């Protein structure tokens, strides 16, 4: 399977954002 670089980058950014959100929630 071949992934489109664009969608891969966008998915990675979303993944990082989710990690930050969950990290903040866990911190609180």
C-alpha atoms as a PDB file:
ATOM      1  CA  UNK A   1       0.000   0.000   0.000  1.00  0.00           C
ATOM      2  CA  UNK A   2       1.235   3.486  -0.887  1.00  0.00           C
ATOM      3  CA  UNK A   3       0.416   6.447   1.345  1.00  0.00           C
ATOM      4  CA  UNK A   4       0.199   9.990  -0.010  1.00  0.00           C
ATOM      5  CA  UNK A   5       2.912  12.169   1.635  1.00  0.00           C
ATOM      6  CA  UNK A   6       0.390  14.974   2.146  1.00  0.00           C
ATOM      7  CA  UNK A   7      -2.144  12.847   4.002  1.00  0.00           C
ATOM      8  CA  UNK A   8       0.712  11.253   5.960  1.00  0.00           C
ATOM      9  CA  UNK A   9       1.973  14.655   7.141  1.00  0.00           C
ATOM     10  CA  UNK A  10      -1.547  15.823   7.997  1.00  0.00           C
ATOM     11  CA  UNK A  11      -2.240  12.590   9.883  1.00  0.00           C
ATOM     12  CA  UNK A  12       1.041  12.980  11.765  1.00  0.00           C
ATOM     13  CA  UNK A  13       0.176  16.560  12.763  1.00  0.00           C
ATOM     14  CA  UNK A  14      -3.280  15.497  13.947  1.00  0.00           C
ATOM     15  CA  UNK A  15      -1.701  12.623  15.903  1.00  0.00           C
ATOM     16  CA  UNK A  16       0.722  15.025  17.593  1.00  0.00           C
ATOM     17  CA  UNK A  17      -2.129  17.422  18.415  1.00  0.00           C
ATOM     18  CA  UNK A  18      -4.134  14.578  19.972  1.00  0.00           C
ATOM     19  CA  UNK A  19      -1.109  13.573  22.042  1.00  0.00           C
ATOM     20  CA  UNK A  20      -0.748  17.164  23.286  1.00  0.00           C
ATOM     21  CA  UNK A  21      -4.452  17.365  24.165  1.00  0.00           C
ATOM     22  CA  UNK A  22      -4.457  14.033  25.997  1.00  0.00           C
ATOM     23  CA  UNK A  23      -1.178  14.969  27.695  1.00  0.00           C
ATOM     24  CA  UNK A  24      -2.671  18.237  28.962  1.00  0.00           C
ATOM     25  CA  UNK A  25      -5.796  16.434  30.193  1.00  0.00           C
ATOM     26  CA  UNK A  26      -3.646  13.825  31.959  1.00  0.00           C
ATOM     27  CA  UNK A  27      -1.482  16.586  33.471  1.00  0.00           C
ATOM     28  CA  UNK A  28      -4.542  18.244  34.913  1.00  0.00           C
END
